[in-house]
């Protein structure tokens, strides 16, 4: 797994934890954390897949 994919995975997990804490405290700010978690999750999948295809020697345009 490329390093950037690992970093985005960590950001995703932290954003989910922050969203849970926000919602438990009754704050609607948790919606922002959920959106950030979704974005970082998509980035994780993209960079993980990109790293996998680069490792296999596939040429992407």
PDB file of N, CA and C in Angstrom:
ATOM      1  N   UNK A   1       0.852  -1.173   0.000  1.00  0.00           N
ATOM      2  CA  UNK A   1       0.000   0.000   0.000  1.00  0.00           C
ATOM      3  C   UNK A   1       0.902   1.242   0.000  1.00  0.00           C
ATOM      4  N   UNK A   2       0.683   2.160  -0.922  1.00  0.00           N
ATOM      5  CA  UNK A   2       1.485   3.383  -0.944  1.00  0.00           C
ATOM      6  C   UNK A   2       1.299   4.194   0.333  1.00  0.00           C
ATOM      7  N   UNK A   3       2.300   4.980   0.639  1.00  0.00           N
ATOM      8  CA  UNK A   3       2.280   5.744   1.875  1.00  0.00           C
ATOM      9  C   UNK A   3       1.109   6.725   1.919  1.00  0.00           C
ATOM     10  N   UNK A   4       0.789   7.363   0.788  1.00  0.00           N
ATOM     11  CA  UNK A   4      -0.307   8.331   0.785  1.00  0.00           C
ATOM     12  C   UNK A   4      -1.651   7.642   1.037  1.00  0.00           C
ATOM     13  N   UNK A   5      -1.797   6.411   0.582  1.00  0.00           N
ATOM     14  CA  UNK A   5      -3.023   5.663   0.855  1.00  0.00           C
ATOM     15  C   UNK A   5      -3.134   5.359   2.347  1.00  0.00           C
ATOM     16  N   UNK A   6      -2.032   5.084   2.971  1.00  0.00           N
ATOM     17  CA  UNK A   6      -2.033   4.830   4.416  1.00  0.00           C
ATOM     18  C   UNK A   6      -2.398   6.093   5.182  1.00  0.00           C
ATOM     19  N   UNK A   7      -1.860   7.238   4.749  1.00  0.00           N
ATOM     20  CA  UNK A   7      -2.187   8.506   5.403  1.00  0.00           C
ATOM     21  C   UNK A   7      -3.667   8.843   5.261  1.00  0.00           C
ATOM     22  N   UNK A   8      -4.220   8.633   4.070  1.00  0.00           N
ATOM     23  CA  UNK A   8      -5.642   8.938   3.887  1.00  0.00           C
ATOM     24  C   UNK A   8      -6.520   7.974   4.677  1.00  0.00           C
ATOM     25  N   UNK A   9      -6.073   6.748   4.858  1.00  0.00           N
ATOM     26  CA  UNK A   9      -6.817   5.804   5.691  1.00  0.00           C
ATOM     27  C   UNK A   9      -6.833   6.269   7.145  1.00  0.00           C
ATOM     28  N   UNK A  10      -5.711   6.771   7.620  1.00  0.00           N
ATOM     29  CA  UNK A  10      -5.645   7.288   8.992  1.00  0.00           C
ATOM     30  C   UNK A  10      -6.561   8.497   9.153  1.00  0.00           C
ATOM     31  N   UNK A  11      -6.553   9.394   8.160  1.00  0.00           N
ATOM     32  CA  UNK A  11      -7.438  10.566   8.202  1.00  0.00           C
ATOM     33  C   UNK A  11      -8.895  10.128   8.210  1.00  0.00           C
ATOM     34  N   UNK A  12      -9.217   9.112   7.432  1.00  0.00           N
ATOM     35  CA  UNK A  12     -10.592   8.596   7.391  1.00  0.00           C
ATOM     36  C   UNK A  12     -11.018   8.065   8.760  1.00  0.00           C
ATOM     37  N   UNK A  13     -10.171   7.293   9.383  1.00  0.00           N
ATOM     38  CA  UNK A  13     -10.514   6.730  10.695  1.00  0.00           C
ATOM     39  C   UNK A  13     -10.648   7.815  11.762  1.00  0.00           C
ATOM     40  N   UNK A  14      -9.772   8.812  11.705  1.00  0.00           N
ATOM     41  CA  UNK A  14      -9.870   9.915  12.663  1.00  0.00           C
ATOM     42  C   UNK A  14     -11.128  10.749  12.427  1.00  0.00           C
ATOM     43  N   UNK A  15     -11.502  10.936  11.165  1.00  0.00           N
ATOM     44  CA  UNK A  15     -12.711  11.699  10.860  1.00  0.00           C
ATOM     45  C   UNK A  15     -13.959  10.959  11.332  1.00  0.00           C
ATOM     46  N   UNK A  16     -13.970   9.646  11.202  1.00  0.00           N
ATOM     47  CA  UNK A  16     -15.105   8.860  11.696  1.00  0.00           C
ATOM     48  C   UNK A  16     -15.198   8.971  13.213  1.00  0.00           C
ATOM     49  N   UNK A  17     -14.063   8.880  13.881  1.00  0.00           N
ATOM     50  CA  UNK A  17     -14.065   9.021  15.341  1.00  0.00           C
ATOM     51  C   UNK A  17     -14.537  10.409  15.762  1.00  0.00           C
ATOM     52  N   UNK A  18     -14.103  11.435  15.059  1.00  0.00           N
ATOM     53  CA  UNK A  18     -14.538  12.796  15.371  1.00  0.00           C
ATOM     54  C   UNK A  18     -16.031  12.973  15.118  1.00  0.00           C
ATOM     55  N   UNK A  19     -16.551  12.337  14.073  1.00  0.00           N
ATOM     56  CA  UNK A  19     -17.983  12.417  13.789  1.00  0.00           C
ATOM     57  C   UNK A  19     -18.793  11.758  14.897  1.00  0.00           C
ATOM     58  N   UNK A  20     -18.336  10.614  15.355  1.00  0.00           N
ATOM     59  CA  UNK A  20     -19.048   9.920  16.438  1.00  0.00           C
ATOM     60  C   UNK A  20     -19.059  10.778  17.696  1.00  0.00           C
ATOM     61  N   UNK A  21     -17.915  11.346  18.040  1.00  0.00           N
ATOM     62  CA  UNK A  21     -17.836  12.194  19.229  1.00  0.00           C
ATOM     63  C   UNK A  21     -18.741  13.411  19.080  1.00  0.00           C
ATOM     64  N   UNK A  22     -18.749  14.017  17.905  1.00  0.00           N
ATOM     65  CA  UNK A  22     -19.590  15.197  17.677  1.00  0.00           C
ATOM     66  C   UNK A  22     -21.064  14.867  17.823  1.00  0.00           C
ATOM     67  N   UNK A  23     -21.490  13.757  17.237  1.00  0.00           N
ATOM     68  CA  UNK A  23     -22.899  13.385  17.319  1.00  0.00           C
ATOM     69  C   UNK A  23     -23.296  12.987  18.737  1.00  0.00           C
ATOM     70  N   UNK A  24     -22.403  12.343  19.462  1.00  0.00           N
ATOM     71  CA  UNK A  24     -22.699  11.967  20.851  1.00  0.00           C
ATOM     72  C   UNK A  24     -22.874  13.212  21.706  1.00  0.00           C
ATOM     73  N   UNK A  25     -22.086  14.238  21.423  1.00  0.00           N
ATOM     74  CA  UNK A  25     -22.198  15.490  22.174  1.00  0.00           C
ATOM     75  C   UNK A  25     -23.371  16.345  21.705  1.00  0.00           C
ATOM     76  N   UNK A  26     -24.061  15.916  20.668  1.00  0.00           N
ATOM     77  CA  UNK A  26     -25.222  16.647  20.185  1.00  0.00           C
ATOM     78  C   UNK A  26     -24.906  17.754  19.213  1.00  0.00           C
ATOM     79  N   UNK A  27     -23.715  17.749  18.642  1.00  0.00           N
ATOM     80  CA  UNK A  27     -23.311  18.794  17.711  1.00  0.00           C
ATOM     81  C   UNK A  27     -23.574  18.346  16.277  1.00  0.00           C
ATOM     82  N   UNK A  28     -24.108  19.274  15.489  1.00  0.00           N
ATOM     83  CA  UNK A  28     -24.343  18.980  14.080  1.00  0.00           C
ATOM     84  C   UNK A  28     -23.079  19.132  13.249  1.00  0.00           C
ATOM     85  N   UNK A  29     -21.983  19.525  13.872  1.00  0.00           N
ATOM     86  CA  UNK A  29     -20.705  19.637  13.183  1.00  0.00           C
ATOM     87  C   UNK A  29     -20.214  18.262  12.701  1.00  0.00           C
ATOM     88  N   UNK A  30     -20.786  17.218  13.243  1.00  0.00           N
ATOM     89  CA  UNK A  30     -20.413  15.869  12.833  1.00  0.00           C
ATOM     90  C   UNK A  30     -20.671  15.601  11.367  1.00  0.00           C
ATOM     91  N   UNK A  31     -21.592  16.354  10.761  1.00  0.00           N
ATOM     92  CA  UNK A  31     -21.867  16.176   9.334  1.00  0.00           C
ATOM     93  C   UNK A  31     -20.624  16.509   8.515  1.00  0.00           C
ATOM     94  N   UNK A  32     -19.907  17.534   8.919  1.00  0.00           N
ATOM     95  CA  UNK A  32     -18.667  17.897   8.216  1.00  0.00           C
ATOM     96  C   UNK A  32     -17.652  16.762   8.328  1.00  0.00           C
ATOM     97  N   UNK A  33     -17.580  16.153   9.493  1.00  0.00           N
ATOM     98  CA  UNK A  33     -16.640  15.039   9.686  1.00  0.00           C
ATOM     99  C   UNK A  33     -17.026  13.834   8.842  1.00  0.00           C
ATOM    100  N   UNK A  34     -18.322  13.595   8.696  1.00  0.00           N
ATOM    101  CA  UNK A  34     -18.784  12.479   7.858  1.00  0.00           C
ATOM    102  C   UNK A  34     -18.391  12.731   6.402  1.00  0.00           C
ATOM    103  N   UNK A  35     -18.567  13.960   5.938  1.00  0.00           N
ATOM    104  CA  UNK A  35     -18.177  14.296   4.568  1.00  0.00           C
ATOM    105  C   UNK A  35     -16.674  14.147   4.363  1.00  0.00           C
ATOM    106  N   UNK A  36     -15.893  14.565   5.350  1.00  0.00           N
ATOM    107  CA  UNK A  36     -14.438  14.406   5.262  1.00  0.00           C
ATOM    108  C   UNK A  36     -14.045  12.929   5.264  1.00  0.00           C
ATOM    109  N   UNK A  37     -14.750  12.128   6.029  1.00  0.00           N
ATOM    110  CA  UNK A  37     -14.476  10.689   6.050  1.00  0.00           C
ATOM    111  C   UNK A  37     -14.774  10.065   4.691  1.00  0.00           C
ATOM    112  N   UNK A  38     -15.863  10.484   4.065  1.00  0.00           N
ATOM    113  CA  UNK A  38     -16.195   9.963   2.739  1.00  0.00           C
ATOM    114  C   UNK A  38     -15.154  10.346   1.700  1.00  0.00           C
ATOM    115  N   UNK A  39     -14.708  11.576   1.746  1.00  0.00           N
ATOM    116  CA  UNK A  39     -13.689  12.040   0.802  1.00  0.00           C
ATOM    117  C   UNK A  39     -12.377  11.284   0.993  1.00  0.00           C
ATOM    118  N   UNK A  40     -11.950  11.159   2.226  1.00  0.00           N
ATOM    119  CA  UNK A  40     -10.679  10.471   2.473  1.00  0.00           C
ATOM    120  C   UNK A  40     -10.785   8.969   2.185  1.00  0.00           C
ATOM    121  N   UNK A  41     -11.969   8.401   2.352  1.00  0.00           N
ATOM    122  CA  UNK A  41     -12.166   6.996   2.003  1.00  0.00           C
ATOM    123  C   UNK A  41     -11.999   6.790   0.497  1.00  0.00           C
ATOM    124  N   UNK A  42     -12.591   7.684  -0.282  1.00  0.00           N
ATOM    125  CA  UNK A  42     -12.441   7.585  -1.738  1.00  0.00           C
ATOM    126  C   UNK A  42     -10.991   7.774  -2.154  1.00  0.00           C
ATOM    127  N   UNK A  43     -10.293   8.685  -1.487  1.00  0.00           N
ATOM    128  CA  UNK A  43      -8.879   8.889  -1.799  1.00  0.00           C
ATOM    129  C   UNK A  43      -8.057   7.650  -1.454  1.00  0.00           C
ATOM    130  N   UNK A  44      -8.408   6.992  -0.354  1.00  0.00           N
ATOM    131  CA  UNK A  44      -7.694   5.774   0.034  1.00  0.00           C
ATOM    132  C   UNK A  44      -7.848   4.698  -1.033  1.00  0.00           C
ATOM    133  N   UNK A  45      -9.095   4.472  -1.482  1.00  0.00           N
ATOM    134  CA  UNK A  45      -9.325   3.460  -2.514  1.00  0.00           C
ATOM    135  C   UNK A  45      -8.596   3.806  -3.808  1.00  0.00           C
ATOM    136  N   UNK A  46      -8.618   5.089  -4.187  1.00  0.00           N
ATOM    137  CA  UNK A  46      -7.959   5.514  -5.427  1.00  0.00           C
ATOM    138  C   UNK A  46      -6.455   5.260  -5.364  1.00  0.00           C
ATOM    139  N   UNK A  47      -5.815   5.721  -4.296  1.00  0.00           N
ATOM    140  CA  UNK A  47      -4.358   5.572  -4.216  1.00  0.00           C
ATOM    141  C   UNK A  47      -3.937   4.125  -3.998  1.00  0.00           C
ATOM    142  N   UNK A  48      -4.745   3.345  -3.303  1.00  0.00           N
ATOM    143  CA  UNK A  48      -4.423   1.925  -3.123  1.00  0.00           C
ATOM    144  C   UNK A  48      -4.510   1.191  -4.465  1.00  0.00           C
ATOM    145  N   UNK A  49      -5.559   1.491  -5.229  1.00  0.00           N
ATOM    146  CA  UNK A  49      -5.713   0.848  -6.536  1.00  0.00           C
ATOM    147  C   UNK A  49      -4.621   1.309  -7.494  1.00  0.00           C
ATOM    148  N   UNK A  50      -4.295   2.592  -7.452  1.00  0.00           N
ATOM    149  CA  UNK A  50      -3.242   3.132  -8.304  1.00  0.00           C
ATOM    150  C   UNK A  50      -1.892   2.492  -7.970  1.00  0.00           C
ATOM    151  N   UNK A  51      -1.626   2.300  -6.689  1.00  0.00           N
ATOM    152  CA  UNK A  51      -0.377   1.656  -6.287  1.00  0.00           C
ATOM    153  C   UNK A  51      -0.326   0.203  -6.701  1.00  0.00           C
ATOM    154  N   UNK A  52      -1.471  -0.464  -6.638  1.00  0.00           N
ATOM    155  CA  UNK A  52      -1.521  -1.868  -7.017  1.00  0.00           C
ATOM    156  C   UNK A  52      -1.270  -2.050  -8.507  1.00  0.00           C
ATOM    157  N   UNK A  53      -1.884  -1.185  -9.325  1.00  0.00           N
ATOM    158  CA  UNK A  53      -1.667  -1.305 -10.772  1.00  0.00           C
ATOM    159  C   UNK A  53      -0.240  -0.915 -11.148  1.00  0.00           C
ATOM    160  N   UNK A  54       0.352   0.037 -10.435  1.00  0.00           N
ATOM    161  CA  UNK A  54       1.735   0.412 -10.715  1.00  0.00           C
ATOM    162  C   UNK A  54       2.689  -0.717 -10.342  1.00  0.00           C
ATOM    163  N   UNK A  55       2.355  -1.418  -9.262  1.00  0.00           N
ATOM    164  CA  UNK A  55       3.199  -2.534  -8.836  1.00  0.00           C
ATOM    165  C   UNK A  55       3.134  -3.697  -9.810  1.00  0.00           C
ATOM    166  N   UNK A  56       1.962  -3.893 -10.434  1.00  0.00           N
ATOM    167  CA  UNK A  56       1.797  -4.985 -11.388  1.00  0.00           C
ATOM    168  C   UNK A  56       2.382  -4.667 -12.755  1.00  0.00           C
ATOM    169  N   UNK A  57       2.816  -3.424 -12.945  1.00  0.00           N
ATOM    170  CA  UNK A  57       3.444  -3.061 -14.206  1.00  0.00           C
ATOM    171  C   UNK A  57       2.466  -2.611 -15.267  1.00  0.00           C
ATOM    172  N   UNK A  58       1.221  -2.391 -14.917  1.00  0.00           N
ATOM    173  CA  UNK A  58       0.240  -1.926 -15.898  1.00  0.00           C
ATOM    174  C   UNK A  58       0.483  -0.467 -16.218  1.00  0.00           C
ATOM    175  N   UNK A  59       0.238  -0.133 -17.449  1.00  0.00           N
ATOM    176  CA  UNK A  59       0.407   1.240 -17.892  1.00  0.00           C
ATOM    177  C   UNK A  59      -0.971   1.891 -17.885  1.00  0.00           C
ATOM    178  N   UNK A  60      -1.089   3.011 -17.163  1.00  0.00           N
ATOM    179  CA  UNK A  60      -2.349   3.740 -17.134  1.00  0.00           C
ATOM    180  C   UNK A  60      -2.148   5.090 -17.778  1.00  0.00           C
ATOM    181  N   UNK A  61      -3.193   5.590 -18.374  1.00  0.00           N
ATOM    182  CA  UNK A  61      -3.082   6.896 -19.038  1.00  0.00           C
ATOM    183  C   UNK A  61      -3.619   7.997 -18.168  1.00  0.00           C
TER     184      UNK A  61
END
